[in-house]
Amino acid sequence: MRELSMVEVEQVSGGAIFDSVPLFTAAVGIGAYSFGSGWATFGVAAALAISPISVAAIAGLSLAGGYVAMQD
């Protein structure tokens, strides 16, 4: 058995995580700006009622980031 190089590990695990960092960072920024630091105390329904566009943007960026992370 031999050790894998970093390139081979990235190919096996679905890609480099650093490719999707900007998308996840944008999602966190939108959440912090829209809901503030105490937004986690509200339920998902309250977040949707307050700002459905922000929630949709966060979900879209998370999906896009996951898609980018899974590319080889």
N, C-alpha and C. Protein backbone atom coordinates (compact mmCIF):
# COMPACT_ATOMS: atom_id res chain seq x y z
N MET A 1 0.85 -1.17 0.00
CA MET A 1 0.00 0.00 0.00
C MET A 1 0.90 1.24 0.00
N ARG A 2 0.51 2.24 -0.80
CA ARG A 2 1.31 3.46 -0.85
C ARG A 2 0.48 4.66 -0.42
N GLU A 3 1.15 5.72 -0.05
CA GLU A 3 0.46 6.94 0.36
C GLU A 3 0.00 7.71 -0.87
N LEU A 4 -1.11 8.41 -0.74
CA LEU A 4 -1.63 9.22 -1.83
C LEU A 4 -1.06 10.64 -1.75
N SER A 5 -0.86 11.24 -2.91
CA SER A 5 -0.45 12.64 -2.93
C SER A 5 -1.67 13.51 -2.64
N MET A 6 -1.45 14.81 -2.41
CA MET A 6 -2.56 15.72 -2.14
C MET A 6 -3.52 15.80 -3.33
N VAL A 7 -3.01 15.75 -4.53
CA VAL A 7 -3.86 15.80 -5.73
C VAL A 7 -4.74 14.56 -5.77
N GLU A 8 -4.17 13.41 -5.48
CA GLU A 8 -4.94 12.17 -5.49
C GLU A 8 -6.00 12.16 -4.38
N VAL A 9 -5.67 12.70 -3.22
CA VAL A 9 -6.63 12.78 -2.12
C VAL A 9 -7.80 13.69 -2.51
N GLU A 10 -7.50 14.83 -3.16
CA GLU A 10 -8.56 15.74 -3.60
C GLU A 10 -9.46 15.07 -4.63
N GLN A 11 -8.88 14.25 -5.50
CA GLN A 11 -9.69 13.57 -6.50
C GLN A 11 -10.61 12.54 -5.86
N VAL A 12 -10.12 11.85 -4.85
CA VAL A 12 -10.91 10.83 -4.17
C VAL A 12 -12.01 11.47 -3.32
N SER A 13 -11.68 12.57 -2.62
CA SER A 13 -12.64 13.17 -1.70
C SER A 13 -13.59 14.14 -2.39
N GLY A 14 -13.43 14.42 -3.66
CA GLY A 14 -14.38 15.25 -4.37
C GLY A 14 -13.92 16.66 -4.64
N GLY A 15 -12.66 16.96 -4.46
CA GLY A 15 -12.17 18.29 -4.80
C GLY A 15 -11.64 19.03 -3.59
N ALA A 16 -10.98 20.13 -3.87
CA ALA A 16 -10.39 20.95 -2.82
C ALA A 16 -11.48 21.78 -2.16
N ILE A 17 -11.46 21.83 -0.84
CA ILE A 17 -12.47 22.61 -0.12
C ILE A 17 -12.28 24.10 -0.36
N PHE A 18 -11.06 24.52 -0.68
CA PHE A 18 -10.80 25.94 -0.86
C PHE A 18 -11.48 26.50 -2.10
N ASP A 19 -11.94 25.65 -3.01
CA ASP A 19 -12.67 26.12 -4.19
C ASP A 19 -14.04 26.66 -3.81
N SER A 20 -14.63 26.14 -2.75
CA SER A 20 -15.98 26.54 -2.37
C SER A 20 -16.03 27.51 -1.20
N VAL A 21 -14.88 27.87 -0.65
CA VAL A 21 -14.84 28.77 0.51
C VAL A 21 -15.50 30.12 0.22
N PRO A 22 -15.26 30.76 -0.94
CA PRO A 22 -15.92 32.06 -1.17
C PRO A 22 -17.44 31.99 -1.14
N LEU A 23 -18.01 30.91 -1.64
CA LEU A 23 -19.47 30.78 -1.64
C LEU A 23 -20.01 30.61 -0.23
N PHE A 24 -19.37 29.77 0.57
CA PHE A 24 -19.82 29.59 1.94
C PHE A 24 -19.61 30.85 2.77
N THR A 25 -18.51 31.58 2.52
CA THR A 25 -18.26 32.84 3.22
C THR A 25 -19.34 33.86 2.90
N ALA A 26 -19.74 33.93 1.64
CA ALA A 26 -20.81 34.84 1.24
C ALA A 26 -22.12 34.47 1.94
N ALA A 27 -22.41 33.18 2.05
CA ALA A 27 -23.63 32.74 2.72
C ALA A 27 -23.62 33.13 4.20
N VAL A 28 -22.49 32.97 4.86
CA VAL A 28 -22.37 33.35 6.26
C VAL A 28 -22.53 34.86 6.41
N GLY A 29 -21.92 35.62 5.50
CA GLY A 29 -22.04 37.08 5.54
C GLY A 29 -23.47 37.55 5.37
N ILE A 30 -24.19 36.95 4.43
CA ILE A 30 -25.60 37.32 4.23
C ILE A 30 -26.41 37.01 5.48
N GLY A 31 -26.17 35.86 6.06
CA GLY A 31 -26.89 35.50 7.29
C GLY A 31 -26.60 36.44 8.44
N ALA A 32 -25.33 36.79 8.62
CA ALA A 32 -24.97 37.71 9.70
C ALA A 32 -25.56 39.10 9.47
N TYR A 33 -25.55 39.56 8.23
CA TYR A 33 -26.08 40.89 7.93
C TYR A 33 -27.60 40.91 8.06
N SER A 34 -28.26 39.88 7.58
CA SER A 34 -29.73 39.87 7.59
C SER A 34 -30.32 39.62 8.97
N PHE A 35 -29.73 38.70 9.70
CA PHE A 35 -30.33 38.27 10.95
C PHE A 35 -29.55 38.71 12.19
N GLY A 36 -28.38 39.27 12.05
CA GLY A 36 -27.58 39.69 13.19
C GLY A 36 -26.98 38.50 13.92
N SER A 37 -26.43 38.76 15.10
CA SER A 37 -25.76 37.69 15.83
C SER A 37 -26.75 36.82 16.59
N GLY A 38 -27.96 37.29 16.83
CA GLY A 38 -28.92 36.52 17.59
C GLY A 38 -29.96 35.80 16.75
N TRP A 39 -29.71 35.67 15.46
CA TRP A 39 -30.70 35.06 14.57
C TRP A 39 -30.90 33.58 14.84
N ALA A 40 -29.93 32.94 15.47
CA ALA A 40 -30.04 31.49 15.71
C ALA A 40 -31.11 31.18 16.76
N THR A 41 -31.53 32.17 17.51
CA THR A 41 -32.56 31.92 18.52
C THR A 41 -33.94 31.78 17.90
N PHE A 42 -34.11 32.26 16.69
CA PHE A 42 -35.40 32.14 15.99
C PHE A 42 -35.45 30.82 15.24
N GLY A 43 -36.64 30.36 15.01
CA GLY A 43 -36.82 29.15 14.21
C GLY A 43 -36.67 29.44 12.74
N VAL A 44 -36.62 28.40 11.95
CA VAL A 44 -36.50 28.56 10.50
C VAL A 44 -37.72 29.27 9.94
N ALA A 45 -38.89 29.01 10.46
CA ALA A 45 -40.10 29.67 9.97
C ALA A 45 -40.03 31.17 10.20
N ALA A 46 -39.52 31.60 11.34
CA ALA A 46 -39.38 33.03 11.61
C ALA A 46 -38.38 33.66 10.66
N ALA A 47 -37.31 32.96 10.38
CA ALA A 47 -36.30 33.49 9.45
C ALA A 47 -36.89 33.65 8.05
N LEU A 48 -37.68 32.67 7.63
CA LEU A 48 -38.32 32.77 6.32
C LEU A 48 -39.32 33.92 6.27
N ALA A 49 -40.04 34.13 7.36
CA ALA A 49 -41.02 35.21 7.39
C ALA A 49 -40.34 36.58 7.40
N ILE A 50 -39.19 36.67 8.05
CA ILE A 50 -38.49 37.95 8.15
C ILE A 50 -37.81 38.30 6.83
N SER A 51 -37.12 37.36 6.26
CA SER A 51 -36.34 37.67 5.06
C SER A 51 -36.21 36.45 4.16
N PRO A 52 -37.22 36.15 3.37
CA PRO A 52 -37.15 34.95 2.53
C PRO A 52 -36.08 35.05 1.44
N ILE A 53 -35.78 36.25 0.98
CA ILE A 53 -34.76 36.39 -0.06
C ILE A 53 -33.38 36.03 0.49
N SER A 54 -33.09 36.46 1.71
CA SER A 54 -31.80 36.12 2.32
C SER A 54 -31.67 34.63 2.55
N VAL A 55 -32.73 34.00 3.02
CA VAL A 55 -32.69 32.55 3.25
C VAL A 55 -32.50 31.81 1.94
N ALA A 56 -33.18 32.26 0.89
CA ALA A 56 -33.00 31.63 -0.42
C ALA A 56 -31.58 31.82 -0.94
N ALA A 57 -31.01 33.01 -0.71
CA ALA A 57 -29.63 33.26 -1.14
C ALA A 57 -28.65 32.38 -0.38
N ILE A 58 -28.85 32.24 0.92
CA ILE A 58 -27.97 31.39 1.73
C ILE A 58 -28.07 29.94 1.26
N ALA A 59 -29.27 29.46 1.04
CA ALA A 59 -29.45 28.08 0.57
C ALA A 59 -28.81 27.88 -0.80
N GLY A 60 -29.00 28.84 -1.69
CA GLY A 60 -28.41 28.74 -3.03
C GLY A 60 -26.90 28.74 -2.99
N LEU A 61 -26.32 29.63 -2.17
CA LEU A 61 -24.86 29.66 -2.05
C LEU A 61 -24.32 28.38 -1.41
N SER A 62 -25.05 27.84 -0.45
CA SER A 62 -24.62 26.58 0.17
C SER A 62 -24.65 25.44 -0.84
N LEU A 63 -25.71 25.38 -1.63
CA LEU A 63 -25.78 24.35 -2.66
C LEU A 63 -24.69 24.53 -3.71
N ALA A 64 -24.46 25.78 -4.12
CA ALA A 64 -23.41 26.04 -5.10
C ALA A 64 -22.04 25.68 -4.54
N GLY A 65 -21.80 26.02 -3.27
CA GLY A 65 -20.54 25.67 -2.64
C GLY A 65 -20.34 24.17 -2.54
N GLY A 66 -21.40 23.45 -2.19
CA GLY A 66 -21.31 21.99 -2.16
C GLY A 66 -21.04 21.40 -3.52
N TYR A 67 -21.67 21.97 -4.54
CA TYR A 67 -21.45 21.49 -5.91
C TYR A 67 -20.00 21.73 -6.34
N VAL A 68 -19.48 22.92 -6.03
CA VAL A 68 -18.09 23.23 -6.38
C VAL A 68 -17.13 22.31 -5.63
N ALA A 69 -17.44 22.03 -4.36
CA ALA A 69 -16.56 21.16 -3.57
C ALA A 69 -16.55 19.73 -4.09
N MET A 70 -17.64 19.30 -4.72
CA MET A 70 -17.71 17.93 -5.21
C MET A 70 -17.12 17.75 -6.60
N GLN A 71 -16.75 18.84 -7.25
CA GLN A 71 -16.15 18.73 -8.59
C GLN A 71 -14.70 18.28 -8.47
N ASP A 72 -14.19 17.62 -9.50
CA ASP A 72 -12.79 17.20 -9.44
C ASP A 72 -11.94 18.09 -10.22
